[in-house]
Amino acid sequence: MARGFKTGGRKTGSKNRRTQELEAATANAAKQISEALGVPFDGDAHALLMAIYKDTAKPIELRLDAAKAAIRFEKPALSSVDSTGEVVHRYVARLPEKVGTTDEWQKQHAPQTIQ
């Protein structure tokens, strides 16, 4: 019967049996990978791919496959750009000042002789 407090079972914050087994299996797999590669392996997939394609003792086909898989993590892929928008050009035109007579216009715009 419930007494208002916990009387048995797992302690709060402790991991269940399945989680403990999974962590042990992951640590064992990382240890085996580290031994096979000869370099420390921290469990990162990208680090594994880098270790494979940088290892010159491995066959070139395996190294190329690892490099192809790792390239997406190292360099961003270019995205296609669809240019369907209309380009709006805006211009500013300066018009000459308004003049009343041709004599005034000629004074403003006529070529001047240099003496």
PDB file of N, CA and C in Angstrom:
ATOM      1  N   MET A   1       0.817  -1.183   0.000  1.00  0.00           N
ATOM      2  CA  MET A   1       0.000   0.000   0.000  1.00  0.00           C
ATOM      3  C   MET A   1       0.867   1.255   0.000  1.00  0.00           C
ATOM      4  N   ALA A   2       0.344   2.278  -0.602  1.00  0.00           N
ATOM      5  CA  ALA A   2       1.072   3.536  -0.680  1.00  0.00           C
ATOM      6  C   ALA A   2       1.057   4.226   0.676  1.00  0.00           C
ATOM      7  N   ARG A   3       2.228   4.717   1.058  1.00  0.00           N
ATOM      8  CA  ARG A   3       2.342   5.388   2.349  1.00  0.00           C
ATOM      9  C   ARG A   3       2.635   6.877   2.170  1.00  0.00           C
ATOM     10  N   GLY A   4       2.560   7.369   0.927  1.00  0.00           N
ATOM     11  CA  GLY A   4       2.836   8.774   0.691  1.00  0.00           C
ATOM     12  C   GLY A   4       4.280   9.037   0.316  1.00  0.00           C
ATOM     13  N   PHE A   5       5.090   7.993   0.324  1.00  0.00           N
ATOM     14  CA  PHE A   5       6.484   8.133  -0.081  1.00  0.00           C
ATOM     15  C   PHE A   5       6.919   6.826  -0.716  1.00  0.00           C
ATOM     16  N   LYS A   6       8.041   6.880  -1.416  1.00  0.00           N
ATOM     17  CA  LYS A   6       8.530   5.718  -2.152  1.00  0.00           C
ATOM     18  C   LYS A   6       9.129   4.706  -1.178  1.00  0.00           C
ATOM     19  N   THR A   7       8.712   3.447  -1.353  1.00  0.00           N
ATOM     20  CA  THR A   7       9.179   2.419  -0.421  1.00  0.00           C
ATOM     21  C   THR A   7      10.082   1.387  -1.075  1.00  0.00           C
ATOM     22  N   GLY A   8      10.234   1.386  -2.371  1.00  0.00           N
ATOM     23  CA  GLY A   8      11.074   0.390  -3.023  1.00  0.00           C
ATOM     24  C   GLY A   8      11.278   0.730  -4.483  1.00  0.00           C
ATOM     25  N   GLY A   9      11.909  -0.168  -5.212  1.00  0.00           N
ATOM     26  CA  GLY A   9      12.147   0.041  -6.639  1.00  0.00           C
ATOM     27  C   GLY A   9      13.423   0.809  -6.887  1.00  0.00           C
ATOM     28  N   ARG A  10      13.556   1.315  -8.123  1.00  0.00           N
ATOM     29  CA  ARG A  10      14.765   2.056  -8.500  1.00  0.00           C
ATOM     30  C   ARG A  10      14.816   3.401  -7.808  1.00  0.00           C
ATOM     31  N   LYS A  11      16.030   3.848  -7.541  1.00  0.00           N
ATOM     32  CA  LYS A  11      16.222   5.187  -6.978  1.00  0.00           C
ATOM     33  C   LYS A  11      15.960   6.224  -8.069  1.00  0.00           C
ATOM     34  N   THR A  12      15.544   7.384  -7.692  1.00  0.00           N
ATOM     35  CA  THR A  12      15.268   8.454  -8.641  1.00  0.00           C
ATOM     36  C   THR A  12      16.542   8.839  -9.381  1.00  0.00           C
ATOM     37  N   GLY A  13      16.443   8.893 -10.710  1.00  0.00           N
ATOM     38  CA  GLY A  13      17.576   9.284 -11.538  1.00  0.00           C
ATOM     39  C   GLY A  13      18.459   8.130 -11.975  1.00  0.00           C
ATOM     40  N   SER A  14      18.230   6.929 -11.432  1.00  0.00           N
ATOM     41  CA  SER A  14      19.053   5.791 -11.859  1.00  0.00           C
ATOM     42  C   SER A  14      18.525   5.247 -13.186  1.00  0.00           C
ATOM     43  N   LYS A  15      19.431   4.596 -13.943  1.00  0.00           N
ATOM     44  CA  LYS A  15      19.069   4.104 -15.271  1.00  0.00           C
ATOM     45  C   LYS A  15      18.499   2.697 -15.159  1.00  0.00           C
ATOM     46  N   ASN A  16      17.551   2.366 -16.045  1.00  0.00           N
ATOM     47  CA  ASN A  16      16.977   1.025 -16.025  1.00  0.00           C
ATOM     48  C   ASN A  16      17.937   0.038 -16.683  1.00  0.00           C
ATOM     49  N   ARG A  17      17.631  -1.232 -16.600  1.00  0.00           N
ATOM     50  CA  ARG A  17      18.518  -2.291 -17.075  1.00  0.00           C
ATOM     51  C   ARG A  17      18.768  -2.175 -18.579  1.00  0.00           C
ATOM     52  N   ARG A  18      17.732  -1.872 -19.345  1.00  0.00           N
ATOM     53  CA  ARG A  18      17.884  -1.772 -20.799  1.00  0.00           C
ATOM     54  C   ARG A  18      18.842  -0.644 -21.178  1.00  0.00           C
ATOM     55  N   THR A  19      18.727   0.519 -20.539  1.00  0.00           N
ATOM     56  CA  THR A  19      19.614   1.640 -20.815  1.00  0.00           C
ATOM     57  C   THR A  19      21.052   1.292 -20.457  1.00  0.00           C
ATOM     58  N   GLN A  20      21.252   0.617 -19.335  1.00  0.00           N
ATOM     59  CA  GLN A  20      22.600   0.219 -18.929  1.00  0.00           C
ATOM     60  C   GLN A  20      23.214  -0.757 -19.930  1.00  0.00           C
ATOM     61  N   GLU A  21      22.414  -1.716 -20.417  1.00  0.00           N
ATOM     62  CA  GLU A  21      22.911  -2.665 -21.410  1.00  0.00           C
ATOM     63  C   GLU A  21      23.245  -1.971 -22.724  1.00  0.00           C
ATOM     64  N   LEU A  22      22.422  -1.017 -23.144  1.00  0.00           N
ATOM     65  CA  LEU A  22      22.658  -0.274 -24.376  1.00  0.00           C
ATOM     66  C   LEU A  22      23.942   0.550 -24.281  1.00  0.00           C
ATOM     67  N   GLU A  23      24.158   1.213 -23.152  1.00  0.00           N
ATOM     68  CA  GLU A  23      25.379   1.996 -22.974  1.00  0.00           C
ATOM     69  C   GLU A  23      26.617   1.107 -22.970  1.00  0.00           C
ATOM     70  N   ALA A  24      26.508  -0.070 -22.355  1.00  0.00           N
ATOM     71  CA  ALA A  24      27.639  -1.009 -22.326  1.00  0.00           C
ATOM     72  C   ALA A  24      27.943  -1.508 -23.735  1.00  0.00           C
ATOM     73  N   ALA A  25      26.907  -1.815 -24.520  1.00  0.00           N
ATOM     74  CA  ALA A  25      27.106  -2.291 -25.889  1.00  0.00           C
ATOM     75  C   ALA A  25      27.721  -1.194 -26.760  1.00  0.00           C
ATOM     76  N   THR A  26      27.298   0.045 -26.578  1.00  0.00           N
ATOM     77  CA  THR A  26      27.851   1.174 -27.332  1.00  0.00           C
ATOM     78  C   THR A  26      29.325   1.380 -26.996  1.00  0.00           C
ATOM     79  N   ALA A  27      29.656   1.306 -25.713  1.00  0.00           N
ATOM     80  CA  ALA A  27      31.052   1.464 -25.299  1.00  0.00           C
ATOM     81  C   ALA A  27      31.913   0.331 -25.859  1.00  0.00           C
ATOM     82  N   ASN A  28      31.370  -0.884 -25.875  1.00  0.00           N
ATOM     83  CA  ASN A  28      32.106  -2.038 -26.417  1.00  0.00           C
ATOM     84  C   ASN A  28      32.330  -1.861 -27.922  1.00  0.00           C
ATOM     85  N   ALA A  29      31.313  -1.403 -28.643  1.00  0.00           N
ATOM     86  CA  ALA A  29      31.443  -1.190 -30.093  1.00  0.00           C
ATOM     87  C   ALA A  29      32.465  -0.094 -30.382  1.00  0.00           C
ATOM     88  N   ALA A  30      32.455   0.984 -29.600  1.00  0.00           N
ATOM     89  CA  ALA A  30      33.422   2.065 -29.794  1.00  0.00           C
ATOM     90  C   ALA A  30      34.841   1.562 -29.531  1.00  0.00           C
ATOM     91  N   LYS A  31      34.994   0.697 -28.536  1.00  0.00           N
ATOM     92  CA  LYS A  31      36.316   0.133 -28.231  1.00  0.00           C
ATOM     93  C   LYS A  31      36.804  -0.735 -29.389  1.00  0.00           C
ATOM     94  N   GLN A  32      35.910  -1.552 -29.957  1.00  0.00           N
ATOM     95  CA  GLN A  32      36.288  -2.408 -31.078  1.00  0.00           C
ATOM     96  C   GLN A  32      36.649  -1.584 -32.312  1.00  0.00           C
ATOM     97  N   ILE A  33      35.910  -0.520 -32.571  1.00  0.00           N
ATOM     98  CA  ILE A  33      36.203   0.360 -33.715  1.00  0.00           C
ATOM     99  C   ILE A  33      37.552   1.035 -33.514  1.00  0.00           C
ATOM    100  N   SER A  34      37.819   1.509 -32.292  1.00  0.00           N
ATOM    101  CA  SER A  34      39.097   2.166 -32.009  1.00  0.00           C
ATOM    102  C   SER A  34      40.258   1.215 -32.221  1.00  0.00           C
ATOM    103  N   GLU A  35      40.089  -0.039 -31.803  1.00  0.00           N
ATOM    104  CA  GLU A  35      41.148  -1.028 -31.994  1.00  0.00           C
ATOM    105  C   GLU A  35      41.358  -1.330 -33.475  1.00  0.00           C
ATOM    106  N   ALA A  36      40.272  -1.405 -34.231  1.00  0.00           N
ATOM    107  CA  ALA A  36      40.376  -1.710 -35.660  1.00  0.00           C
ATOM    108  C   ALA A  36      41.001  -0.550 -36.440  1.00  0.00           C
ATOM    109  N   LEU A  37      40.664   0.677 -36.061  1.00  0.00           N
ATOM    110  CA  LEU A  37      41.183   1.843 -36.772  1.00  0.00           C
ATOM    111  C   LEU A  37      42.585   2.215 -36.326  1.00  0.00           C
ATOM    112  N   GLY A  38      42.890   1.937 -35.102  1.00  0.00           N
ATOM    113  CA  GLY A  38      44.186   2.341 -34.565  1.00  0.00           C
ATOM    114  C   GLY A  38      44.203   3.776 -34.105  1.00  0.00           C
ATOM    115  N   VAL A  39      43.061   4.442 -34.116  1.00  0.00           N
ATOM    116  CA  VAL A  39      42.955   5.823 -33.633  1.00  0.00           C
ATOM    117  C   VAL A  39      41.810   5.887 -32.632  1.00  0.00           C
ATOM    118  N   PRO A  40      41.836   6.847 -31.734  1.00  0.00           N
ATOM    119  CA  PRO A  40      40.720   6.969 -30.790  1.00  0.00           C
ATOM    120  C   PRO A  40      39.422   7.306 -31.526  1.00  0.00           C
ATOM    121  N   PHE A  41      38.355   6.703 -31.105  1.00  0.00           N
ATOM    122  CA  PHE A  41      37.042   6.924 -31.734  1.00  0.00           C
ATOM    123  C   PHE A  41      36.091   7.428 -30.669  1.00  0.00           C
ATOM    124  N   ASP A  42      35.533   8.621 -30.877  1.00  0.00           N
ATOM    125  CA  ASP A  42      34.659   9.216 -29.867  1.00  0.00           C
ATOM    126  C   ASP A  42      33.181   8.957 -30.137  1.00  0.00           C
ATOM    127  N   GLY A  43      32.861   8.098 -31.093  1.00  0.00           N
ATOM    128  CA  GLY A  43      31.466   7.739 -31.335  1.00  0.00           C
ATOM    129  C   GLY A  43      30.766   8.607 -32.362  1.00  0.00           C
ATOM    130  N   ASP A  44      31.453   9.537 -32.951  1.00  0.00           N
ATOM    131  CA  ASP A  44      30.879  10.437 -33.940  1.00  0.00           C
ATOM    132  C   ASP A  44      31.000   9.799 -35.326  1.00  0.00           C
ATOM    133  N   ALA A  45      29.904   9.726 -36.077  1.00  0.00           N
ATOM    134  CA  ALA A  45      29.922   9.101 -37.398  1.00  0.00           C
ATOM    135  C   ALA A  45      30.840   9.854 -38.357  1.00  0.00           C
ATOM    136  N   HIS A  46      30.851  11.167 -38.261  1.00  0.00           N
ATOM    137  CA  HIS A  46      31.701  11.957 -39.134  1.00  0.00           C
ATOM    138  C   HIS A  46      33.171  11.692 -38.822  1.00  0.00           C
ATOM    139  N   ALA A  47      33.504  11.536 -37.548  1.00  0.00           N
ATOM    140  CA  ALA A  47      34.889  11.226 -37.171  1.00  0.00           C
ATOM    141  C   ALA A  47      35.305   9.865 -37.723  1.00  0.00           C
ATOM    142  N   LEU A  48      34.381   8.912 -37.719  1.00  0.00           N
ATOM    143  CA  LEU A  48      34.677   7.597 -38.276  1.00  0.00           C
ATOM    144  C   LEU A  48      34.948   7.687 -39.776  1.00  0.00           C
ATOM    145  N   LEU A  49      34.103   8.428 -40.492  1.00  0.00           N
ATOM    146  CA  LEU A  49      34.303   8.590 -41.937  1.00  0.00           C
ATOM    147  C   LEU A  49      35.634   9.285 -42.236  1.00  0.00           C
ATOM    148  N   MET A  50      35.963  10.302 -41.439  1.00  0.00           N
ATOM    149  CA  MET A  50      37.230  11.002 -41.642  1.00  0.00           C
ATOM    150  C   MET A  50      38.412  10.076 -41.387  1.00  0.00           C
ATOM    151  N   ALA A  51      38.314   9.251 -40.343  1.00  0.00           N
ATOM    152  CA  ALA A  51      39.408   8.328 -40.031  1.00  0.00           C
ATOM    153  C   ALA A  51      39.605   7.327 -41.163  1.00  0.00           C
ATOM    154  N   ILE A  52      38.504   6.909 -41.792  1.00  0.00           N
ATOM    155  CA  ILE A  52      38.607   5.933 -42.876  1.00  0.00           C
ATOM    156  C   ILE A  52      39.219   6.560 -44.121  1.00  0.00           C
ATOM    157  N   TYR A  53      38.728   7.748 -44.534  1.00  0.00           N
ATOM    158  CA  TYR A  53      39.245   8.282 -45.800  1.00  0.00           C
ATOM    159  C   TYR A  53      40.630   8.907 -45.666  1.00  0.00           C
ATOM    160  N   LYS A  54      41.085   9.158 -44.446  1.00  0.00           N
ATOM    161  CA  LYS A  54      42.442   9.677 -44.273  1.00  0.00           C
ATOM    162  C   LYS A  54      43.471   8.565 -44.084  1.00  0.00           C
ATOM    163  N   ASP A  55      43.014   7.332 -43.865  1.00  0.00           N
ATOM    164  CA  ASP A  55      43.913   6.209 -43.651  1.00  0.00           C
ATOM    165  C   ASP A  55      44.403   5.692 -45.001  1.00  0.00           C
ATOM    166  N   THR A  56      45.681   5.892 -45.301  1.00  0.00           N
ATOM    167  CA  THR A  56      46.225   5.498 -46.600  1.00  0.00           C
ATOM    168  C   THR A  56      46.409   3.992 -46.728  1.00  0.00           C
ATOM    169  N   ALA A  57      46.296   3.247 -45.639  1.00  0.00           N
ATOM    170  CA  ALA A  57      46.443   1.791 -45.699  1.00  0.00           C
ATOM    171  C   ALA A  57      45.164   1.118 -46.216  1.00  0.00           C
ATOM    172  N   LYS A  58      44.051   1.823 -46.177  1.00  0.00           N
ATOM    173  CA  LYS A  58      42.771   1.266 -46.634  1.00  0.00           C
ATOM    174  C   LYS A  58      42.715   1.314 -48.164  1.00  0.00           C
ATOM    175  N   PRO A  59      41.906   0.440 -48.785  1.00  0.00           N
ATOM    176  CA  PRO A  59      41.748   0.476 -50.249  1.00  0.00           C
ATOM    177  C   PRO A  59      41.117   1.795 -50.706  1.00  0.00           C
ATOM    178  N   ILE A  60      41.507   2.242 -51.873  1.00  0.00           N
ATOM    179  CA  ILE A  60      41.044   3.536 -52.380  1.00  0.00           C
ATOM    180  C   ILE A  60      39.531   3.562 -52.580  1.00  0.00           C
ATOM    181  N   GLU A  61      38.921   2.436 -52.949  1.00  0.00           N
ATOM    182  CA  GLU A  61      37.462   2.404 -53.146  1.00  0.00           C
ATOM    183  C   GLU A  61      36.741   2.704 -51.836  1.00  0.00           C
ATOM    184  N   LEU A  62      37.216   2.103 -50.744  1.00  0.00           N
ATOM    185  CA  LEU A  62      36.613   2.342 -49.430  1.00  0.00           C
ATOM    186  C   LEU A  62      36.822   3.785 -49.006  1.00  0.00           C
ATOM    187  N   ARG A  63      38.003   4.315 -49.262  1.00  0.00           N
ATOM    188  CA  ARG A  63      38.293   5.697 -48.899  1.00  0.00           C
ATOM    189  C   ARG A  63      37.426   6.672 -49.682  1.00  0.00           C
ATOM    190  N   LEU A  64      37.205   6.391 -50.969  1.00  0.00           N
ATOM    191  CA  LEU A  64      36.350   7.263 -51.783  1.00  0.00           C
ATOM    192  C   LEU A  64      34.903   7.231 -51.306  1.00  0.00           C
ATOM    193  N   ASP A  65      34.402   6.049 -50.972  1.00  0.00           N
ATOM    194  CA  ASP A  65      33.037   5.953 -50.461  1.00  0.00           C
ATOM    195  C   ASP A  65      32.882   6.729 -49.159  1.00  0.00           C
ATOM    196  N   ALA A  66      33.861   6.627 -48.276  1.00  0.00           N
ATOM    197  CA  ALA A  66      33.811   7.363 -47.010  1.00  0.00           C
ATOM    198  C   ALA A  66      33.878   8.865 -47.255  1.00  0.00           C
ATOM    199  N   ALA A  67      34.711   9.279 -48.210  1.00  0.00           N
ATOM    200  CA  ALA A  67      34.821  10.710 -48.522  1.00  0.00           C
ATOM    201  C   ALA A  67      33.522  11.242 -49.112  1.00  0.00           C
ATOM    202  N   LYS A  68      32.868  10.443 -49.959  1.00  0.00           N
ATOM    203  CA  LYS A  68      31.584  10.866 -50.536  1.00  0.00           C
ATOM    204  C   LYS A  68      30.532  11.053 -49.453  1.00  0.00           C
ATOM    205  N   ALA A  69      30.523  10.164 -48.483  1.00  0.00           N
ATOM    206  CA  ALA A  69      29.540  10.270 -47.407  1.00  0.00           C
ATOM    207  C   ALA A  69      29.850  11.430 -46.468  1.00  0.00           C
ATOM    208  N   ALA A  70      31.132  11.740 -46.271  1.00  0.00           N
ATOM    209  CA  ALA A  70      31.520  12.777 -45.317  1.00  0.00           C
ATOM    210  C   ALA A  70      31.462  14.174 -45.896  1.00  0.00           C
ATOM    211  N   ILE A  71      31.465  14.318 -47.213  1.00  0.00           N
ATOM    212  CA  ILE A  71      31.556  15.640 -47.826  1.00  0.00           C
ATOM    213  C   ILE A  71      30.374  16.528 -47.452  1.00  0.00           C
ATOM    214  N   ARG A  72      29.204  15.958 -47.252  1.00  0.00           N
ATOM    215  CA  ARG A  72      28.026  16.758 -46.889  1.00  0.00           C
ATOM    216  C   ARG A  72      28.164  17.393 -45.506  1.00  0.00           C
ATOM    217  N   PHE A  73      28.998  16.805 -44.653  1.00  0.00           N
ATOM    218  CA  PHE A  73      29.199  17.364 -43.323  1.00  0.00           C
ATOM    219  C   PHE A  73      30.297  18.412 -43.310  1.00  0.00           C
ATOM    220  N   GLU A  74      31.193  18.358 -44.293  1.00  0.00           N
ATOM    221  CA  GLU A  74      32.332  19.261 -44.305  1.00  0.00           C
ATOM    222  C   GLU A  74      32.102  20.504 -45.153  1.00  0.00           C
ATOM    223  N   LYS A  75      31.423  20.358 -46.267  1.00  0.00           N
ATOM    224  CA  LYS A  75      31.158  21.490 -47.160  1.00  0.00           C
ATOM    225  C   LYS A  75      29.657  21.564 -47.413  1.00  0.00           C
ATOM    226  N   PRO A  76      29.067  22.747 -47.310  1.00  0.00           N
ATOM    227  CA  PRO A  76      27.632  22.850 -47.588  1.00  0.00           C
ATOM    228  C   PRO A  76      27.340  22.635 -49.070  1.00  0.00           C
ATOM    229  N   ALA A  77      26.237  21.997 -49.345  1.00  0.00           N
ATOM    230  CA  ALA A  77      25.840  21.763 -50.734  1.00  0.00           C
ATOM    231  C   ALA A  77      25.253  23.052 -51.309  1.00  0.00           C
ATOM    232  N   LEU A  78      25.511  23.288 -52.571  1.00  0.00           N
ATOM    233  CA  LEU A  78      24.939  24.452 -53.230  1.00  0.00           C
ATOM    234  C   LEU A  78      23.473  24.183 -53.517  1.00  0.00           C
ATOM    235  N   SER A  79      22.653  25.166 -53.255  1.00  0.00           N
ATOM    236  CA  SER A  79      21.229  24.986 -53.521  1.00  0.00           C
ATOM    237  C   SER A  79      20.885  25.651 -54.845  1.00  0.00           C
ATOM    238  N   SER A  80      19.899  25.090 -55.506  1.00  0.00           N
ATOM    239  CA  SER A  80      19.481  25.680 -56.771  1.00  0.00           C
ATOM    240  C   SER A  80      18.636  26.914 -56.484  1.00  0.00           C
ATOM    241  N   VAL A  81      18.828  27.937 -57.282  1.00  0.00           N
ATOM    242  CA  VAL A  81      18.111  29.187 -57.092  1.00  0.00           C
ATOM    243  C   VAL A  81      17.192  29.376 -58.282  1.00  0.00           C
ATOM    244  N   ASP A  82      15.929  29.563 -57.999  1.00  0.00           N
ATOM    245  CA  ASP A  82      14.948  29.769 -59.055  1.00  0.00           C
ATOM    246  C   ASP A  82      14.687  31.255 -59.171  1.00  0.00           C
ATOM    247  N   SER A  83      14.999  31.830 -60.314  1.00  0.00           N
ATOM    248  CA  SER A  83      14.844  33.266 -60.527  1.00  0.00           C
ATOM    249  C   SER A  83      13.571  33.526 -61.323  1.00  0.00           C
ATOM    250  N   THR A  84      12.442  33.526 -60.639  1.00  0.00           N
ATOM    251  CA  THR A  84      11.174  33.779 -61.321  1.00  0.00           C
ATOM    252  C   THR A  84      10.658  35.179 -61.043  1.00  0.00           C
ATOM    253  N   GLY A  85      11.288  35.886 -60.125  1.00  0.00           N
ATOM    254  CA  GLY A  85      10.816  37.230 -59.790  1.00  0.00           C
ATOM    255  C   GLY A  85      11.142  38.230 -60.872  1.00  0.00           C
ATOM    256  N   GLU A  86      10.337  39.261 -60.950  1.00  0.00           N
ATOM    257  CA  GLU A  86      10.575  40.307 -61.937  1.00  0.00           C
ATOM    258  C   GLU A  86      11.537  41.328 -61.361  1.00  0.00           C
ATOM    259  N   VAL A  87      12.450  41.795 -62.190  1.00  0.00           N
ATOM    260  CA  VAL A  87      13.402  42.804 -61.770  1.00  0.00           C
ATOM    261  C   VAL A  87      12.819  44.170 -62.103  1.00  0.00           C
ATOM    262  N   VAL A  88      12.736  45.019 -61.117  1.00  0.00           N
ATOM    263  CA  VAL A  88      12.189  46.356 -61.319  1.00  0.00           C
ATOM    264  C   VAL A  88      13.358  47.328 -61.371  1.00  0.00           C
ATOM    265  N   HIS A  89      13.500  48.010 -62.496  1.00  0.00           N
ATOM    266  CA  HIS A  89      14.553  49.010 -62.656  1.00  0.00           C
ATOM    267  C   HIS A  89      13.955  50.373 -62.365  1.00  0.00           C
ATOM    268  N   ARG A  90      14.675  51.148 -61.585  1.00  0.00           N
ATOM    269  CA  ARG A  90      14.212  52.497 -61.266  1.00  0.00           C
ATOM    270  C   ARG A  90      15.298  53.472 -61.697  1.00  0.00           C
ATOM    271  N   TYR A  91      14.883  54.471 -62.441  1.00  0.00           N
ATOM    272  CA  TYR A  91      15.824  55.444 -62.966  1.00  0.00           C
ATOM    273  C   TYR A  91      15.433  56.837 -62.505  1.00  0.00           C
ATOM    274  N   VAL A  92      16.427  57.688 -62.412  1.00  0.00           N
ATOM    275  CA  VAL A  92      16.204  59.094 -62.095  1.00  0.00           C
ATOM    276  C   VAL A  92      16.761  59.898 -63.268  1.00  0.00           C
ATOM    277  N   ALA A  93      15.931  60.742 -63.836  1.00  0.00           N
ATOM    278  CA  ALA A  93      16.360  61.564 -64.968  1.00  0.00           C
ATOM    279  C   ALA A  93      16.340  63.029 -64.538  1.00  0.00           C
ATOM    280  N   ARG A  94      17.439  63.714 -64.817  1.00  0.00           N
ATOM    281  CA  ARG A  94      17.488  65.143 -64.521  1.00  0.00           C
ATOM    282  C   ARG A  94      17.139  65.912 -65.787  1.00  0.00           C
ATOM    283  N   LEU A  95      16.102  66.684 -65.702  1.00  0.00           N
ATOM    284  CA  LEU A  95      15.673  67.489 -66.847  1.00  0.00           C
ATOM    285  C   LEU A  95      16.202  68.909 -66.679  1.00  0.00           C
ATOM    286  N   PRO A  96      16.475  69.561 -67.775  1.00  0.00           N
ATOM    287  CA  PRO A  96      16.969  70.949 -67.652  1.00  0.00           C
ATOM    288  C   PRO A  96      15.870  71.867 -67.116  1.00  0.00           C
ATOM    289  N   GLU A  97      16.339  72.957 -66.570  1.00  0.00           N
ATOM    290  CA  GLU A  97      15.373  73.918 -66.023  1.00  0.00           C
ATOM    291  C   GLU A  97      14.521  74.513 -67.154  1.00  0.00           C
ATOM    292  N   LYS A  98      13.332  74.867 -66.797  1.00  0.00           N
ATOM    293  CA  LYS A  98      12.415  75.423 -67.796  1.00  0.00           C
ATOM    294  C   LYS A  98      12.836  76.859 -68.127  1.00  0.00           C
ATOM    295  N   VAL A  99      12.875  77.114 -69.428  1.00  0.00           N
ATOM    296  CA  VAL A  99      13.237  78.453 -69.891  1.00  0.00           C
ATOM    297  C   VAL A  99      12.104  79.006 -70.741  1.00  0.00           C
ATOM    298  N   GLY A 100      11.936  80.323 -70.688  1.00  0.00           N
ATOM    299  CA  GLY A 100      10.825  80.943 -71.394  1.00  0.00           C
ATOM    300  C   GLY A 100      11.109  81.230 -72.861  1.00  0.00           C
ATOM    301  N   THR A 101      12.330  81.681 -73.171  1.00  0.00           N
ATOM    302  CA  THR A 101      12.625  82.072 -74.550  1.00  0.00           C
ATOM    303  C   THR A 101      13.842  81.307 -75.055  1.00  0.00           C
ATOM    304  N   THR A 102      14.031  81.359 -76.370  1.00  0.00           N
ATOM    305  CA  THR A 102      15.182  80.682 -76.958  1.00  0.00           C
ATOM    306  C   THR A 102      16.478  81.402 -76.616  1.00  0.00           C
ATOM    307  N   ASP A 103      16.419  82.696 -76.417  1.00  0.00           N
ATOM    308  CA  ASP A 103      17.623  83.427 -76.041  1.00  0.00           C
ATOM    309  C   ASP A 103      18.120  82.980 -74.662  1.00  0.00           C
ATOM    310  N   GLU A 104      17.199  82.756 -73.724  1.00  0.00           N
ATOM    311  CA  GLU A 104      17.579  82.274 -72.384  1.00  0.00           C
ATOM    312  C   GLU A 104      18.167  80.866 -72.478  1.00  0.00           C
ATOM    313  N   TRP A 105      17.549  80.053 -73.332  1.00  0.00           N
ATOM    314  CA  TRP A 105      18.044  78.680 -73.488  1.00  0.00           C
ATOM    315  C   TRP A 105      19.447  78.680 -74.069  1.00  0.00           C
ATOM    316  N   GLN A 106      19.661  79.548 -75.057  1.00  0.00           N
ATOM    317  CA  GLN A 106      20.962  79.618 -75.705  1.00  0.00           C
ATOM    318  C   GLN A 106      22.027  80.106 -74.733  1.00  0.00           C
ATOM    319  N   LYS A 107      21.671  81.006 -73.820  1.00  0.00           N
ATOM    320  CA  LYS A 107      22.613  81.479 -72.812  1.00  0.00           C
ATOM    321  C   LYS A 107      23.016  80.323 -71.875  1.00  0.00           C
ATOM    322  N   GLN A 108      22.054  79.455 -71.558  1.00  0.00           N
ATOM    323  CA  GLN A 108      22.333  78.337 -70.652  1.00  0.00           C
ATOM    324  C   GLN A 108      23.123  77.230 -71.322  1.00  0.00           C
ATOM    325  N   HIS A 109      22.811  76.907 -72.585  1.00  0.00           N
ATOM    326  CA  HIS A 109      23.350  75.715 -73.214  1.00  0.00           C
ATOM    327  C   HIS A 109      24.274  75.936 -74.394  1.00  0.00           C
ATOM    328  N   ALA A 110      24.438  77.119 -74.812  1.00  0.00           N
ATOM    329  CA  ALA A 110      25.281  77.363 -75.989  1.00  0.00           C
ATOM    330  C   ALA A 110      26.754  77.168 -75.617  1.00  0.00           C
ATOM    331  N   PRO A 111      27.539  76.689 -76.572  1.00  0.00           N
ATOM    332  CA  PRO A 111      28.977  76.564 -76.307  1.00  0.00           C
ATOM    333  C   PRO A 111      29.600  77.917 -76.099  1.00  0.00           C
ATOM    334  N   GLN A 112      30.572  77.937 -75.204  1.00  0.00           N
ATOM    335  CA  GLN A 112      31.235  79.198 -74.916  1.00  0.00           C
ATOM    336  C   GLN A 112      32.617  79.160 -75.553  1.00  0.00           C
ATOM    337  N   THR A 113      32.993  80.270 -76.094  1.00  0.00           N
ATOM    338  CA  THR A 113      34.304  80.355 -76.712  1.00  0.00           C
ATOM    339  C   THR A 113      35.293  80.839 -75.677  1.00  0.00           C
ATOM    340  N   ILE A 114      36.450  80.216 -75.718  1.00  0.00           N
ATOM    341  CA  ILE A 114      37.492  80.595 -74.774  1.00  0.00           C
ATOM    342  C   ILE A 114      38.464  81.494 -75.497  1.00  0.00           C
ATOM    343  N   GLN A 115      38.763  82.582 -74.893  1.00  0.00           N
ATOM    344  CA  GLN A 115      39.663  83.556 -75.546  1.00  0.00           C
ATOM    345  C   GLN A 115      40.992  83.592 -74.859  1.00  0.00           C
TER     346      GLN A 115
END
